[in-house]
Amino acid sequence: MSVVQDPSHETEFSDLKACVLLPTYNNAQTLEAVLLSLAAYTRQIIVVNDGSTDETEAILARYPFLQIVSYTPNRGKGNALKQGFRYAWQQGYQYAISIDSDGQHYAQDLPAFLGAIKEQPGTLIIGARNMDQAHIPGKSSFGNKFSNFWFWVETGIRLPDTQSGYRLYPLAPLSTMKFFTRKYEFEIEAPVRVAWKGVKVIPVPVSVYYPPAAERISHFRPFKDFTRISILNTFLTLIALLWIHPRNFVRRLSSREGWAQLWKEVMVRPDESNERKAWSMAFGVFMGIFPVWGFQLAIGIPLAIYLRLNKALFLLAANVSIFPITPVFWALSLVTGKIILGYEDWAFRWKDITLTQFKEAGLAFFLGGAVLALALGLLTFLVSLLLLKAFRKPGSVQQ
């Protein structure tokens, strides 16, 4: 096979210290065509042979300019990518463009990645495929929407295609990270955790080829891999709700720029009515007081997203019960509940409390907390709505 002698974008790859990373496993029938298409643009190609047992090794031997990482047995795509990133970083590359070896991606889209990284250095770029074209499997379209939703929950970033394997990774942040996964789910873990480090994540449109079902080669195992992905998303969501989102909110409050952005989101956004802002604050107060202590944000944030409330306002209002105010609401919840239930015995002595008294106190606390949360939430809505209508400029309110 002949190879293009003068790759068209070699200078750009060299200047950006970028390479193409090609993980492959038993894709011999498409591998050579992919290599030839890539070689027309650059010779900076790293191939990770992930334990292939077909003709892959013989094909790779035909192209001496390739940088090859090879091992056995097969360990999964995530492991292949991690091995490739490590090798690329050691060779002095700053960026790696990952591309699949099954022929579904086009080398002609490489310049789009290069152009995007020139404009926004240090960014993670994910190729956005047209998922509405012919031959796209229905399960792939559904899986993509499913993945997009959870990526948004976990990072707050909206992307059109989080499952695309055609990506440009900045290697510097990856070089200091240890990842938990080693198969397909790695391509979910990596962008989420890179985004948590403050790296910007953006899409770039790419073409895609999906052959007819009879010609497709896939190593995806629906039950096992989907189970792994579901477990990973559960884990990442819990971390995001309990740590990442609250941490990012506090960071925003610690800088002038953060306050300016928060003010814009909270008060200026013309796409939100006064009623929606008021309900966002009311729901924050409600969840901050409702007696599910320790889980207010884990429950409240997904509900705020589902209800399309202002998340910044929700988080701000939910802090109504932060320490040292928390014990005050505990006491008020217990007192409110005992008044509602008509309890006459207000004594609560731990050393001689009975099981019946404990149950009564627990019921009073939960009922009182729920009523208190509802009452203060509704009061917050009314006060917030009046203040917004009084002080928010008419031009900044959606008509």
Protein backbone atom coordinates (compact mmCIF):
# COMPACT_ATOMS: atom_id res chain seq x y z
CA MET A 1 0.00 0.00 0.00
CA SER A 2 1.29 3.47 -0.87
CA VAL A 3 1.21 6.25 1.69
CA VAL A 4 0.85 9.97 1.05
CA GLN A 5 4.39 11.44 1.11
CA ASP A 6 3.53 14.93 2.31
CA PRO A 7 0.76 14.96 4.92
CA SER A 8 -1.33 18.10 4.49
CA HIS A 9 -1.45 19.17 8.15
CA GLU A 10 1.85 17.92 9.52
CA THR A 11 3.07 21.42 10.39
CA GLU A 12 -0.05 22.15 12.43
CA PHE A 13 0.25 18.87 14.32
CA SER A 14 3.90 19.63 15.08
CA ASP A 15 3.24 23.22 16.16
CA LEU A 16 0.41 22.17 18.47
CA LYS A 17 2.33 19.10 19.71
CA ALA A 18 -0.68 17.02 18.77
CA CYS A 19 -1.01 13.40 17.68
CA VAL A 20 -3.72 10.99 16.59
CA LEU A 21 -4.41 8.15 19.02
CA LEU A 22 -5.90 5.00 17.48
CA PRO A 23 -6.90 2.19 19.88
CA THR A 24 -7.71 -0.99 18.01
CA TYR A 25 -8.88 -4.51 18.76
CA ASN A 26 -9.59 -7.03 16.01
CA ASN A 27 -10.55 -4.45 13.38
CA ALA A 28 -8.18 -5.71 10.68
CA GLN A 29 -10.74 -5.37 7.90
CA THR A 30 -11.04 -1.57 8.40
CA LEU A 31 -7.73 -0.71 10.09
CA GLU A 32 -5.60 -0.21 6.99
CA ALA A 33 -8.08 2.14 5.32
CA VAL A 34 -8.25 4.20 8.51
CA LEU A 35 -4.44 4.39 8.71
CA LEU A 36 -4.14 5.53 5.09
CA SER A 37 -6.76 8.23 5.58
CA LEU A 38 -4.99 9.51 8.70
CA ALA A 39 -1.59 9.47 7.02
CA ALA A 40 -2.88 11.94 4.43
CA TYR A 41 -3.06 14.52 7.24
CA THR A 42 -0.24 13.58 9.64
CA ARG A 43 2.38 10.97 10.51
CA GLN A 44 1.99 11.73 14.24
CA ILE A 45 -0.03 8.57 14.80
CA ILE A 46 0.03 6.37 17.90
CA VAL A 47 -1.67 2.98 17.57
CA VAL A 48 -2.54 1.00 20.69
CA ASN A 49 -2.92 -2.68 19.76
CA ASP A 50 -5.19 -3.86 22.57
CA GLY A 51 -4.43 -7.58 22.38
CA SER A 52 -5.68 -8.16 18.81
CA THR A 53 -5.68 -11.75 17.60
CA ASP A 54 -6.37 -11.10 13.89
CA GLU A 55 -4.10 -9.60 11.20
CA THR A 56 -3.65 -6.30 13.05
CA GLU A 57 0.04 -6.81 13.87
CA ALA A 58 0.93 -7.60 10.24
CA ILE A 59 -0.93 -4.51 9.00
CA LEU A 60 0.84 -2.23 11.46
CA ALA A 61 4.23 -3.60 10.42
CA ARG A 62 3.72 -2.17 6.91
CA TYR A 63 3.90 1.42 8.17
CA PRO A 64 7.23 2.17 9.89
CA PHE A 65 6.25 5.74 10.81
CA LEU A 66 3.62 4.49 13.27
CA GLN A 67 4.28 4.65 17.01
CA ILE A 68 2.91 1.42 18.42
CA VAL A 69 1.93 0.40 21.93
CA SER A 70 1.11 -3.30 21.99
CA TYR A 71 0.24 -5.79 24.71
CA THR A 72 -1.78 -8.93 25.40
CA PRO A 73 -4.38 -9.96 26.38
CA ASN A 74 -7.17 -7.56 25.45
CA ARG A 75 -7.93 -5.22 28.37
CA GLY A 76 -10.64 -2.93 27.05
CA LYS A 77 -10.87 0.37 25.20
CA GLY A 78 -10.50 2.47 28.32
CA ASN A 79 -7.22 0.80 29.19
CA ALA A 80 -6.02 1.26 25.60
CA LEU A 81 -6.77 4.97 25.75
CA LYS A 82 -5.00 5.35 29.09
CA GLN A 83 -1.94 3.53 27.76
CA GLY A 84 -1.99 5.78 24.69
CA PHE A 85 -2.31 8.97 26.74
CA ARG A 86 0.59 7.94 28.95
CA TYR A 87 2.79 7.14 25.97
CA ALA A 88 1.85 10.36 24.14
CA TRP A 89 2.63 12.48 27.21
CA GLN A 90 6.00 10.78 27.59
CA GLN A 91 6.78 11.58 23.95
CA GLY A 92 6.14 15.29 24.56
CA TYR A 93 2.69 15.64 23.00
CA GLN A 94 0.24 18.14 24.50
CA TYR A 95 -2.89 16.88 22.73
CA ALA A 96 -4.17 13.53 21.50
CA ILE A 97 -7.05 13.13 19.04
CA SER A 98 -8.67 9.76 19.68
CA ILE A 99 -10.40 8.09 16.74
CA ASP A 100 -12.01 4.66 16.36
CA SER A 101 -10.46 2.05 14.08
CA ASP A 102 -13.76 0.65 12.79
CA GLY A 103 -14.02 3.25 10.03
CA GLN A 104 -17.00 5.19 11.38
CA HIS A 105 -14.99 8.41 11.77
CA TYR A 106 -13.48 10.46 8.95
CA ALA A 107 -9.93 11.80 8.93
CA GLN A 108 -11.23 14.82 7.01
CA ASP A 109 -12.55 16.16 10.34
CA LEU A 110 -9.08 16.36 11.90
CA PRO A 111 -8.61 20.02 10.80
CA ALA A 112 -11.80 20.95 12.67
CA PHE A 113 -10.25 19.74 15.92
CA LEU A 114 -7.01 21.58 15.19
CA GLY A 115 -8.86 24.79 14.43
CA ALA A 116 -10.92 24.54 17.61
CA ILE A 117 -7.90 23.97 19.84
CA LYS A 118 -6.11 26.94 18.30
CA GLU A 119 -9.03 29.14 19.30
CA GLN A 120 -9.46 27.61 22.77
CA PRO A 121 -6.20 26.00 23.99
CA GLY A 122 -6.40 23.44 26.77
CA THR A 123 -9.97 22.47 25.92
CA LEU A 124 -11.44 18.96 25.75
CA ILE A 125 -13.23 18.72 22.39
CA ILE A 126 -15.82 16.04 21.63
CA GLY A 127 -16.94 15.34 18.07
CA ALA A 128 -20.69 15.82 17.68
CA ARG A 129 -22.19 13.35 15.22
CA ASN A 130 -25.44 13.80 13.32
CA MET A 131 -27.52 11.18 15.12
CA ASP A 132 -30.53 11.66 12.83
CA GLN A 133 -28.96 10.29 9.65
CA ALA A 134 -29.72 6.93 8.07
CA HIS A 135 -28.27 3.69 9.46
CA ILE A 136 -27.93 5.12 13.01
CA PRO A 137 -29.11 2.30 15.31
CA GLY A 138 -32.07 3.28 17.49
CA LYS A 139 -30.32 2.05 20.61
CA SER A 140 -27.33 4.29 19.82
CA SER A 141 -29.57 7.35 19.55
CA PHE A 142 -31.31 6.52 22.84
CA GLY A 143 -28.02 5.75 24.57
CA ASN A 144 -26.60 9.05 23.42
CA LYS A 145 -29.52 11.04 24.85
CA PHE A 146 -29.25 9.04 28.07
CA SER A 147 -25.53 9.80 28.30
CA ASN A 148 -26.02 13.50 27.46
CA PHE A 149 -28.52 13.85 30.29
CA TRP A 150 -26.27 12.34 32.94
CA PHE A 151 -23.26 14.32 31.74
CA TRP A 152 -25.33 17.47 32.25
CA VAL A 153 -26.40 16.38 35.74
CA GLU A 154 -22.80 15.56 36.69
CA THR A 155 -21.10 18.63 35.19
CA GLY A 156 -23.76 21.23 34.36
CA ILE A 157 -22.48 21.21 30.75
CA ARG A 158 -24.83 20.57 27.85
CA LEU A 159 -23.33 18.66 24.92
CA PRO A 160 -25.06 17.21 21.84
CA ASP A 161 -23.00 13.99 21.73
CA THR A 162 -21.15 12.70 24.80
CA GLN A 163 -20.72 9.17 23.43
CA SER A 164 -18.60 10.03 20.41
CA GLY A 165 -15.17 8.42 20.50
CA TYR A 166 -13.77 11.10 18.18
CA ARG A 167 -12.22 13.53 20.67
CA LEU A 168 -9.30 15.84 21.30
CA TYR A 169 -7.90 15.37 24.81
CA PRO A 170 -5.58 17.88 26.52
CA LEU A 171 -2.90 15.64 28.02
CA ALA A 172 -1.65 17.88 30.83
CA PRO A 173 -4.67 17.41 33.14
CA LEU A 174 -4.90 13.70 32.27
CA SER A 175 -1.26 13.15 33.23
CA THR A 176 -2.00 13.80 36.93
CA MET A 177 -5.23 11.80 37.16
CA LYS A 178 -5.94 8.22 38.13
CA PHE A 179 -9.06 6.75 36.57
CA PHE A 180 -11.20 3.92 37.95
CA THR A 181 -12.51 2.38 34.74
CA ARG A 182 -10.82 0.48 31.90
CA LYS A 183 -13.51 -0.43 29.35
CA TYR A 184 -16.12 1.57 27.39
CA GLU A 185 -17.23 3.45 30.49
CA PHE A 186 -13.85 5.21 30.58
CA GLU A 187 -15.15 7.52 27.85
CA ILE A 188 -17.83 8.63 30.30
CA GLU A 189 -15.57 8.95 33.33
CA ALA A 190 -12.79 10.88 31.57
CA PRO A 191 -14.73 13.95 30.32
CA VAL A 192 -16.75 14.22 33.54
CA ARG A 193 -13.71 14.21 35.79
CA VAL A 194 -11.71 16.44 33.45
CA ALA A 195 -14.60 18.93 33.54
CA TRP A 196 -14.53 18.75 37.35
CA LYS A 197 -10.92 19.96 37.18
CA GLY A 198 -12.13 23.13 35.48
CA VAL A 199 -11.23 22.13 31.90
CA LYS A 200 -13.65 23.55 29.35
CA VAL A 201 -15.53 20.93 27.29
CA ILE A 202 -16.92 21.90 23.87
CA PRO A 203 -18.37 20.08 20.83
CA VAL A 204 -17.25 20.27 17.21
CA PRO A 205 -19.40 18.87 14.36
CA VAL A 206 -18.03 15.70 12.73
CA SER A 207 -19.23 13.27 10.08
CA VAL A 208 -19.93 9.65 10.88
CA TYR A 209 -20.45 6.47 8.88
CA TYR A 210 -22.63 3.69 10.24
CA PRO A 211 -22.58 0.66 7.95
CA PRO A 212 -25.66 -1.54 7.60
CA ALA A 213 -26.25 -3.81 10.57
CA ALA A 214 -24.88 -6.89 8.79
CA GLU A 215 -21.51 -5.21 8.24
CA ARG A 216 -21.02 -3.69 11.69
CA ILE A 217 -18.24 -4.83 13.99
CA SER A 218 -18.85 -4.02 17.64
CA HIS A 219 -17.21 -5.26 20.82
CA PHE A 220 -19.82 -3.59 23.00
CA ARG A 221 -21.53 -6.09 25.31
CA PRO A 222 -25.00 -4.62 25.96
CA PHE A 223 -25.76 -6.14 29.37
CA LYS A 224 -22.30 -6.05 30.97
CA ASP A 225 -21.21 -2.71 29.59
CA PHE A 226 -24.53 -0.96 30.21
CA THR A 227 -24.45 -2.24 33.80
CA ARG A 228 -20.94 -0.85 34.23
CA ILE A 229 -22.03 2.48 32.75
CA SER A 230 -25.08 2.68 35.03
CA ILE A 231 -23.00 1.98 38.14
CA LEU A 232 -20.45 4.59 37.07
CA ASN A 233 -23.13 7.24 36.44
CA THR A 234 -24.64 6.56 39.87
CA PHE A 235 -21.23 6.99 41.48
CA LEU A 236 -20.40 10.17 39.54
CA THR A 237 -23.82 11.69 40.21
CA LEU A 238 -23.49 11.18 43.97
CA ILE A 239 -20.06 12.83 43.95
CA ALA A 240 -21.37 15.70 41.84
CA LEU A 241 -24.38 16.35 44.06
CA LEU A 242 -22.65 15.93 47.40
CA TRP A 243 -19.33 17.61 46.59
CA ILE A 244 -18.66 19.04 43.10
CA HIS A 245 -21.73 21.28 42.66
CA PRO A 246 -21.60 22.70 46.24
CA ARG A 247 -17.81 23.20 45.88
CA ASN A 248 -18.21 25.05 42.59
CA PHE A 249 -20.94 27.22 44.08
CA VAL A 250 -18.74 28.22 47.02
CA ARG A 251 -15.86 28.96 44.63
CA ARG A 252 -18.07 31.26 42.63
CA LEU A 253 -19.00 33.16 45.77
CA SER A 254 -15.31 33.67 46.60
CA SER A 255 -14.53 35.80 43.53
CA ARG A 256 -15.84 39.05 42.08
CA GLU A 257 -16.27 37.40 38.67
CA GLY A 258 -18.27 34.61 40.31
CA TRP A 259 -20.60 37.09 41.97
CA ALA A 260 -21.06 38.94 38.67
CA GLN A 261 -21.92 35.70 36.87
CA LEU A 262 -24.21 34.62 39.70
CA TRP A 263 -26.02 37.96 39.60
CA LYS A 264 -26.49 37.60 35.87
CA GLU A 265 -27.91 34.10 36.26
CA VAL A 266 -30.04 34.97 39.26
CA MET A 267 -31.49 38.36 38.41
CA VAL A 268 -30.81 39.28 34.79
CA ARG A 269 -31.68 36.19 32.76
CA PRO A 270 -34.57 37.32 30.55
CA ASP A 271 -35.65 33.76 29.80
CA GLU A 272 -36.85 33.31 33.38
CA SER A 273 -40.02 34.83 34.76
CA ASN A 274 -40.31 36.31 38.24
CA GLU A 275 -42.49 33.36 39.19
CA ARG A 276 -39.83 30.81 38.22
CA LYS A 277 -37.17 32.65 40.20
CA ALA A 278 -39.49 32.89 43.19
CA TRP A 279 -40.33 29.18 43.00
CA SER A 280 -36.60 28.38 42.75
CA MET A 281 -35.91 30.22 46.01
CA ALA A 282 -39.00 28.74 47.65
CA PHE A 283 -37.96 25.22 46.72
CA GLY A 284 -34.45 25.87 48.04
CA VAL A 285 -35.82 26.97 51.41
CA PHE A 286 -38.21 24.00 51.45
CA MET A 287 -35.42 21.46 50.81
CA GLY A 288 -33.07 23.24 53.22
CA ILE A 289 -35.53 22.73 56.09
CA PHE A 290 -37.29 19.49 55.09
CA PRO A 291 -36.15 16.76 57.55
CA VAL A 292 -33.94 14.69 55.23
CA TRP A 293 -30.75 16.07 56.74
CA GLY A 294 -27.60 15.20 54.81
CA PHE A 295 -29.55 14.45 51.62
CA GLN A 296 -31.18 17.82 50.84
CA LEU A 297 -28.93 18.55 47.86
CA ALA A 298 -28.81 14.94 46.65
CA ILE A 299 -32.61 14.99 46.42
CA GLY A 300 -33.14 18.66 45.64
CA ILE A 301 -30.72 19.24 42.75
CA PRO A 302 -32.17 16.51 40.46
CA LEU A 303 -35.67 17.78 41.26
CA ALA A 304 -34.63 21.37 40.54
CA ILE A 305 -33.21 20.24 37.19
CA TYR A 306 -36.33 18.23 36.39
CA LEU A 307 -38.60 21.15 37.31
CA ARG A 308 -36.36 23.53 35.28
CA LEU A 309 -35.78 25.84 38.20
CA ASN A 310 -32.87 28.25 38.58
CA LYS A 311 -30.19 26.01 40.12
CA ALA A 312 -28.10 28.92 41.41
CA LEU A 313 -31.08 30.38 43.25
CA PHE A 314 -32.04 26.96 44.57
CA LEU A 315 -28.56 26.36 46.01
CA LEU A 316 -28.41 29.83 47.48
CA ALA A 317 -31.76 29.44 49.24
CA ALA A 318 -31.04 25.87 50.38
CA ASN A 319 -28.24 27.22 52.57
CA VAL A 320 -30.89 28.69 54.87
CA SER A 321 -30.21 25.83 57.28
CA ILE A 322 -26.40 25.83 57.39
CA PHE A 323 -24.66 25.51 60.74
CA PRO A 324 -25.05 27.13 63.30
CA ILE A 325 -28.68 27.78 62.28
CA THR A 326 -29.37 24.05 61.79
CA PRO A 327 -30.10 23.26 65.48
CA VAL A 328 -32.64 26.11 65.52
CA PHE A 329 -34.64 24.47 62.75
CA TRP A 330 -34.34 21.09 64.48
CA ALA A 331 -35.87 22.54 67.63
CA LEU A 332 -38.57 24.43 65.71
CA SER A 333 -39.44 21.24 63.77
CA LEU A 334 -39.86 19.25 66.98
CA VAL A 335 -41.93 21.97 68.67
CA THR A 336 -44.13 22.45 65.59
CA GLY A 337 -44.76 18.72 65.34
CA LYS A 338 -45.70 18.38 69.02
CA ILE A 339 -48.13 21.28 68.73
CA ILE A 340 -49.79 19.73 65.67
CA LEU A 341 -50.05 16.30 67.31
CA GLY A 342 -51.24 17.77 70.62
CA TYR A 343 -48.50 16.25 72.77
CA GLU A 344 -48.57 17.53 76.35
CA ASP A 345 -45.31 15.98 77.55
CA TRP A 346 -42.54 18.28 76.35
CA ALA A 347 -39.76 16.64 78.36
CA PHE A 348 -37.07 14.78 76.41
CA ARG A 349 -34.51 13.06 78.65
CA TRP A 350 -32.15 10.67 76.82
CA LYS A 351 -31.26 8.63 79.93
CA ASP A 352 -34.80 7.43 80.62
CA ILE A 353 -36.52 7.78 77.23
CA THR A 354 -38.78 4.91 76.23
CA LEU A 355 -39.23 3.44 72.77
CA THR A 356 -42.72 4.95 72.62
CA GLN A 357 -41.42 8.41 73.47
CA PHE A 358 -38.68 8.04 70.88
CA LYS A 359 -41.20 7.13 68.18
CA GLU A 360 -43.46 10.04 69.18
CA ALA A 361 -40.54 12.47 69.09
CA GLY A 362 -39.44 11.16 65.69
CA LEU A 363 -42.94 11.51 64.26
CA ALA A 364 -43.28 15.00 65.69
CA PHE A 365 -39.88 16.01 64.31
CA PHE A 366 -40.62 14.76 60.78
CA LEU A 367 -44.16 16.13 60.65
CA GLY A 368 -43.15 19.45 62.16
CA GLY A 369 -40.17 19.78 59.82
CA ALA A 370 -42.34 19.08 56.77
CA VAL A 371 -44.96 21.62 57.80
CA LEU A 372 -42.31 24.19 58.72
CA ALA A 373 -40.53 23.66 55.39
CA LEU A 374 -43.77 24.03 53.45
CA ALA A 375 -44.85 27.15 55.35
CA LEU A 376 -41.49 28.92 55.05
CA GLY A 377 -41.19 27.83 51.42
CA LEU A 378 -44.54 29.42 50.55
CA LEU A 379 -43.62 32.54 52.54
CA THR A 380 -40.34 32.74 50.60
CA PHE A 381 -42.23 32.49 47.31
CA LEU A 382 -44.57 35.35 48.21
CA VAL A 383 -41.84 37.65 49.55
CA SER A 384 -39.49 36.86 46.65
CA LEU A 385 -42.20 37.45 44.06
CA LEU A 386 -43.12 40.82 45.59
CA LEU A 387 -39.46 41.93 45.71
CA LEU A 388 -38.77 40.78 42.15
CA LYS A 389 -41.79 42.61 40.81
CA ALA A 390 -40.79 45.71 42.74
CA PHE A 391 -37.09 45.84 41.87
CA ARG A 392 -36.49 43.77 38.74
CA LYS A 393 -36.48 45.86 35.60
CA PRO A 394 -39.45 45.14 33.30
CA GLY A 395 -37.10 44.73 30.30
CA SER A 396 -35.34 41.78 31.96
CA VAL A 397 -38.50 39.76 32.45
CA GLN A 398 -39.77 37.31 29.86
CA GLN A 399 -43.10 38.42 28.52
